[in-house]
């Protein structure tokens, strides 16, 4: 087995062990675009452009993944979105 094959094999194993979760934001008829954009910038560390794109996706598609990562990192962010009155869940 060559060194390159061994490194690739090690990388594949590490890649499989990391379980990524997502925060899904759902559409509602209550909050304004500006409120959702500002919330995503504040809570999810989005750029204004990212937040605007996600907001349009939520509006037109009904939902959008707004943050990906490990569960322990996402839980407080999702809680903050919920406390702001937004509809979100971790999957």
N, C-alpha and C. Protein backbone atom coordinates (compact mmCIF):
# COMPACT_ATOMS: atom_id res chain seq x y z
N UNK A 1 0.85 -1.17 0.00
CA UNK A 1 0.00 0.00 0.00
C UNK A 1 0.90 1.24 0.00
N UNK A 2 0.64 2.15 -0.90
CA UNK A 2 1.45 3.35 -0.97
C UNK A 2 1.04 4.33 0.14
N UNK A 3 1.91 5.30 0.37
CA UNK A 3 1.64 6.31 1.39
C UNK A 3 0.39 7.09 1.04
N UNK A 4 0.20 7.39 -0.24
CA UNK A 4 -0.97 8.17 -0.67
C UNK A 4 -2.26 7.39 -0.39
N UNK A 5 -2.28 6.09 -0.70
CA UNK A 5 -3.46 5.28 -0.43
C UNK A 5 -3.77 5.22 1.06
N UNK A 6 -2.73 5.11 1.88
CA UNK A 6 -2.91 5.05 3.32
C UNK A 6 -3.49 6.36 3.84
N UNK A 7 -2.98 7.49 3.36
CA UNK A 7 -3.50 8.79 3.79
C UNK A 7 -4.96 8.95 3.37
N UNK A 8 -5.29 8.53 2.16
CA UNK A 8 -6.67 8.63 1.70
C UNK A 8 -7.59 7.76 2.55
N UNK A 9 -7.13 6.58 2.90
CA UNK A 9 -7.91 5.68 3.74
C UNK A 9 -8.15 6.30 5.11
N UNK A 10 -7.13 6.88 5.71
CA UNK A 10 -7.27 7.55 7.00
C UNK A 10 -8.25 8.71 6.91
N UNK A 11 -8.18 9.47 5.84
CA UNK A 11 -9.06 10.62 5.65
C UNK A 11 -10.51 10.16 5.53
N UNK A 12 -10.75 9.10 4.77
CA UNK A 12 -12.11 8.59 4.60
C UNK A 12 -12.71 8.16 5.94
N UNK A 13 -11.91 7.54 6.79
CA UNK A 13 -12.40 7.11 8.09
C UNK A 13 -12.74 8.31 8.96
N UNK A 14 -11.90 9.33 8.98
CA UNK A 14 -12.18 10.53 9.76
C UNK A 14 -13.41 11.24 9.26
N UNK A 15 -13.58 11.27 7.96
CA UNK A 15 -14.72 11.95 7.36
C UNK A 15 -16.03 11.29 7.78
N UNK A 16 -16.05 10.00 7.90
CA UNK A 16 -17.25 9.27 8.26
C UNK A 16 -17.63 9.46 9.72
N UNK A 17 -16.69 9.76 10.59
CA UNK A 17 -16.95 9.87 12.02
C UNK A 17 -17.61 11.19 12.41
N UNK A 18 -17.50 12.22 11.60
CA UNK A 18 -18.06 13.52 11.92
C UNK A 18 -19.52 13.55 11.47
N UNK A 19 -20.43 13.73 12.42
CA UNK A 19 -21.85 13.78 12.12
C UNK A 19 -22.29 15.24 12.10
N UNK A 20 -22.65 15.72 10.93
CA UNK A 20 -23.08 17.10 10.78
C UNK A 20 -24.59 17.18 10.92
N UNK A 21 -25.03 18.21 11.57
CA UNK A 21 -26.45 18.50 11.72
C UNK A 21 -26.74 19.83 11.05
N UNK A 22 -28.01 20.13 10.86
CA UNK A 22 -28.40 21.38 10.21
C UNK A 22 -29.50 22.06 11.01
N UNK A 23 -29.44 23.39 11.02
CA UNK A 23 -30.58 24.17 11.51
C UNK A 23 -31.43 24.50 10.30
N UNK A 24 -32.67 24.09 10.35
CA UNK A 24 -33.63 24.38 9.28
C UNK A 24 -34.53 25.51 9.78
N UNK A 25 -34.63 26.58 9.00
CA UNK A 25 -35.52 27.69 9.31
C UNK A 25 -36.76 27.56 8.43
N UNK A 26 -37.93 27.71 9.04
CA UNK A 26 -39.20 27.56 8.32
C UNK A 26 -39.87 28.90 8.11
N UNK A 27 -40.66 28.98 7.06
CA UNK A 27 -41.38 30.20 6.72
C UNK A 27 -42.51 30.45 7.72
N UNK A 28 -42.80 31.72 7.94
CA UNK A 28 -43.98 32.11 8.71
C UNK A 28 -44.54 33.39 8.09
N UNK A 29 -45.72 33.74 8.49
CA UNK A 29 -46.37 34.94 7.96
C UNK A 29 -46.32 36.10 8.94
N UNK A 30 -45.43 36.00 9.93
CA UNK A 30 -45.41 36.98 11.01
C UNK A 30 -44.25 37.95 10.87
N UNK A 31 -43.05 37.44 10.64
CA UNK A 31 -41.84 38.26 10.69
C UNK A 31 -41.50 38.89 9.34
N UNK A 32 -40.92 40.08 9.42
CA UNK A 32 -40.52 40.78 8.20
C UNK A 32 -39.21 40.22 7.67
N UNK A 33 -38.96 40.51 6.40
CA UNK A 33 -37.69 40.10 5.80
C UNK A 33 -36.52 40.69 6.59
N UNK A 34 -36.62 41.96 6.92
CA UNK A 34 -35.53 42.63 7.65
C UNK A 34 -35.27 41.97 9.00
N UNK A 35 -36.32 41.59 9.70
CA UNK A 35 -36.15 40.94 11.01
C UNK A 35 -35.42 39.61 10.85
N UNK A 36 -35.84 38.81 9.87
CA UNK A 36 -35.21 37.51 9.66
C UNK A 36 -33.76 37.68 9.23
N UNK A 37 -33.50 38.62 8.34
CA UNK A 37 -32.13 38.89 7.89
C UNK A 37 -31.26 39.28 9.08
N UNK A 38 -31.73 40.22 9.88
CA UNK A 38 -30.96 40.67 11.05
C UNK A 38 -30.74 39.53 12.04
N UNK A 39 -31.74 38.67 12.20
CA UNK A 39 -31.61 37.52 13.11
C UNK A 39 -30.55 36.55 12.62
N UNK A 40 -30.53 36.26 11.33
CA UNK A 40 -29.55 35.33 10.79
C UNK A 40 -28.13 35.90 10.87
N UNK A 41 -28.00 37.19 10.68
CA UNK A 41 -26.69 37.83 10.82
C UNK A 41 -26.21 37.71 12.26
N UNK A 42 -27.10 37.99 13.20
CA UNK A 42 -26.75 37.98 14.62
C UNK A 42 -26.52 36.56 15.15
N UNK A 43 -27.44 35.66 14.88
CA UNK A 43 -27.42 34.33 15.49
C UNK A 43 -26.51 33.35 14.75
N UNK A 44 -26.56 33.38 13.43
CA UNK A 44 -25.84 32.38 12.63
C UNK A 44 -24.55 32.91 12.01
N UNK A 45 -24.21 34.15 12.32
CA UNK A 45 -22.99 34.78 11.78
C UNK A 45 -22.99 34.83 10.25
N UNK A 46 -24.16 35.03 9.66
CA UNK A 46 -24.25 35.17 8.21
C UNK A 46 -23.75 36.55 7.78
N UNK A 47 -23.28 36.63 6.55
CA UNK A 47 -23.04 37.93 5.94
C UNK A 47 -24.42 38.47 5.54
N UNK A 48 -24.54 39.76 5.29
CA UNK A 48 -25.84 40.28 4.86
C UNK A 48 -26.36 39.58 3.59
N UNK A 49 -25.46 39.25 2.69
CA UNK A 49 -25.87 38.58 1.44
C UNK A 49 -26.38 37.17 1.72
N UNK A 50 -25.68 36.43 2.58
CA UNK A 50 -26.12 35.08 2.94
C UNK A 50 -27.49 35.12 3.60
N UNK A 51 -27.65 36.03 4.53
CA UNK A 51 -28.91 36.14 5.26
C UNK A 51 -30.06 36.48 4.33
N UNK A 52 -29.81 37.38 3.39
CA UNK A 52 -30.85 37.77 2.43
C UNK A 52 -31.23 36.58 1.54
N UNK A 53 -30.23 35.84 1.05
CA UNK A 53 -30.51 34.68 0.20
C UNK A 53 -31.32 33.63 0.96
N UNK A 54 -30.92 33.35 2.21
CA UNK A 54 -31.65 32.37 3.02
C UNK A 54 -33.08 32.82 3.26
N UNK A 55 -33.26 34.10 3.50
CA UNK A 55 -34.59 34.63 3.76
C UNK A 55 -35.50 34.45 2.54
N UNK A 56 -34.97 34.70 1.36
CA UNK A 56 -35.76 34.49 0.14
C UNK A 56 -36.06 33.01 -0.07
N UNK A 57 -35.09 32.14 0.20
CA UNK A 57 -35.35 30.71 0.08
C UNK A 57 -36.44 30.25 1.04
N UNK A 58 -36.37 30.73 2.28
CA UNK A 58 -37.40 30.39 3.26
C UNK A 58 -38.77 30.87 2.78
N UNK A 59 -38.81 32.08 2.26
CA UNK A 59 -40.08 32.65 1.81
C UNK A 59 -40.68 31.87 0.64
N UNK A 60 -39.85 31.55 -0.35
CA UNK A 60 -40.38 30.93 -1.57
C UNK A 60 -40.40 29.40 -1.52
N UNK A 61 -39.51 28.78 -0.76
CA UNK A 61 -39.46 27.32 -0.70
C UNK A 61 -40.09 26.75 0.58
N UNK A 62 -40.31 27.61 1.57
CA UNK A 62 -40.92 27.16 2.82
C UNK A 62 -39.93 26.83 3.92
N UNK A 63 -38.68 26.57 3.54
CA UNK A 63 -37.65 26.27 4.53
C UNK A 63 -36.28 26.38 3.88
N UNK A 64 -35.26 26.46 4.74
CA UNK A 64 -33.89 26.58 4.25
C UNK A 64 -32.93 26.17 5.37
N UNK A 65 -31.85 25.49 5.00
CA UNK A 65 -30.78 25.20 5.95
C UNK A 65 -30.01 26.49 6.16
N UNK A 66 -29.93 26.96 7.41
CA UNK A 66 -29.25 28.22 7.68
C UNK A 66 -27.91 28.05 8.39
N UNK A 67 -27.65 26.86 8.93
CA UNK A 67 -26.37 26.61 9.60
C UNK A 67 -26.14 25.12 9.67
N UNK A 68 -24.90 24.70 9.43
CA UNK A 68 -24.51 23.30 9.48
C UNK A 68 -23.36 23.17 10.46
N UNK A 69 -23.36 22.09 11.23
CA UNK A 69 -22.26 21.87 12.17
C UNK A 69 -22.59 20.77 13.14
N UNK A 70 -21.81 20.70 14.19
CA UNK A 70 -22.03 19.70 15.23
C UNK A 70 -23.19 20.14 16.12
N UNK A 71 -23.90 19.16 16.64
CA UNK A 71 -25.12 19.43 17.41
C UNK A 71 -24.88 20.41 18.56
N UNK A 72 -23.79 20.21 19.29
CA UNK A 72 -23.52 21.06 20.46
C UNK A 72 -23.30 22.52 20.07
N UNK A 73 -22.82 22.76 18.87
CA UNK A 73 -22.63 24.14 18.40
C UNK A 73 -23.96 24.73 17.93
N UNK A 74 -24.81 23.91 17.36
CA UNK A 74 -26.06 24.39 16.77
C UNK A 74 -27.17 24.60 17.81
N UNK A 75 -27.18 23.82 18.86
CA UNK A 75 -28.28 23.89 19.84
C UNK A 75 -28.50 25.30 20.40
N UNK A 76 -27.45 26.00 20.88
CA UNK A 76 -27.72 27.35 21.40
C UNK A 76 -28.17 28.33 20.31
N UNK A 77 -27.68 28.13 19.10
CA UNK A 77 -28.11 29.01 18.00
C UNK A 77 -29.58 28.79 17.67
N UNK A 78 -29.98 27.53 17.61
CA UNK A 78 -31.38 27.22 17.33
C UNK A 78 -32.28 27.75 18.44
N UNK A 79 -31.85 27.62 19.66
CA UNK A 79 -32.62 28.13 20.79
C UNK A 79 -32.79 29.65 20.68
N UNK A 80 -31.74 30.34 20.28
CA UNK A 80 -31.84 31.80 20.11
C UNK A 80 -32.84 32.16 19.01
N UNK A 81 -32.82 31.40 17.90
CA UNK A 81 -33.79 31.66 16.82
C UNK A 81 -35.21 31.44 17.33
N UNK A 82 -35.40 30.37 18.08
CA UNK A 82 -36.73 30.09 18.64
C UNK A 82 -37.17 31.17 19.62
N UNK A 83 -36.24 31.66 20.43
CA UNK A 83 -36.55 32.73 21.39
C UNK A 83 -36.93 34.03 20.69
N UNK A 84 -36.45 34.20 19.45
CA UNK A 84 -36.82 35.37 18.66
C UNK A 84 -38.19 35.20 18.00
N UNK A 85 -38.78 34.03 18.17
CA UNK A 85 -40.08 33.76 17.61
C UNK A 85 -40.06 33.12 16.24
N UNK A 86 -38.87 32.76 15.76
CA UNK A 86 -38.76 32.10 14.46
C UNK A 86 -38.98 30.61 14.62
N UNK A 87 -39.37 29.97 13.54
CA UNK A 87 -39.60 28.52 13.55
C UNK A 87 -38.36 27.84 12.99
N UNK A 88 -37.71 27.03 13.83
CA UNK A 88 -36.47 26.37 13.42
C UNK A 88 -36.35 25.04 14.15
N UNK A 89 -35.58 24.13 13.55
CA UNK A 89 -35.29 22.87 14.19
C UNK A 89 -33.93 22.36 13.73
N UNK A 90 -33.36 21.47 14.53
CA UNK A 90 -32.09 20.84 14.18
C UNK A 90 -32.40 19.44 13.65
N UNK A 91 -31.82 19.13 12.50
CA UNK A 91 -31.98 17.78 11.93
C UNK A 91 -30.62 17.17 11.71
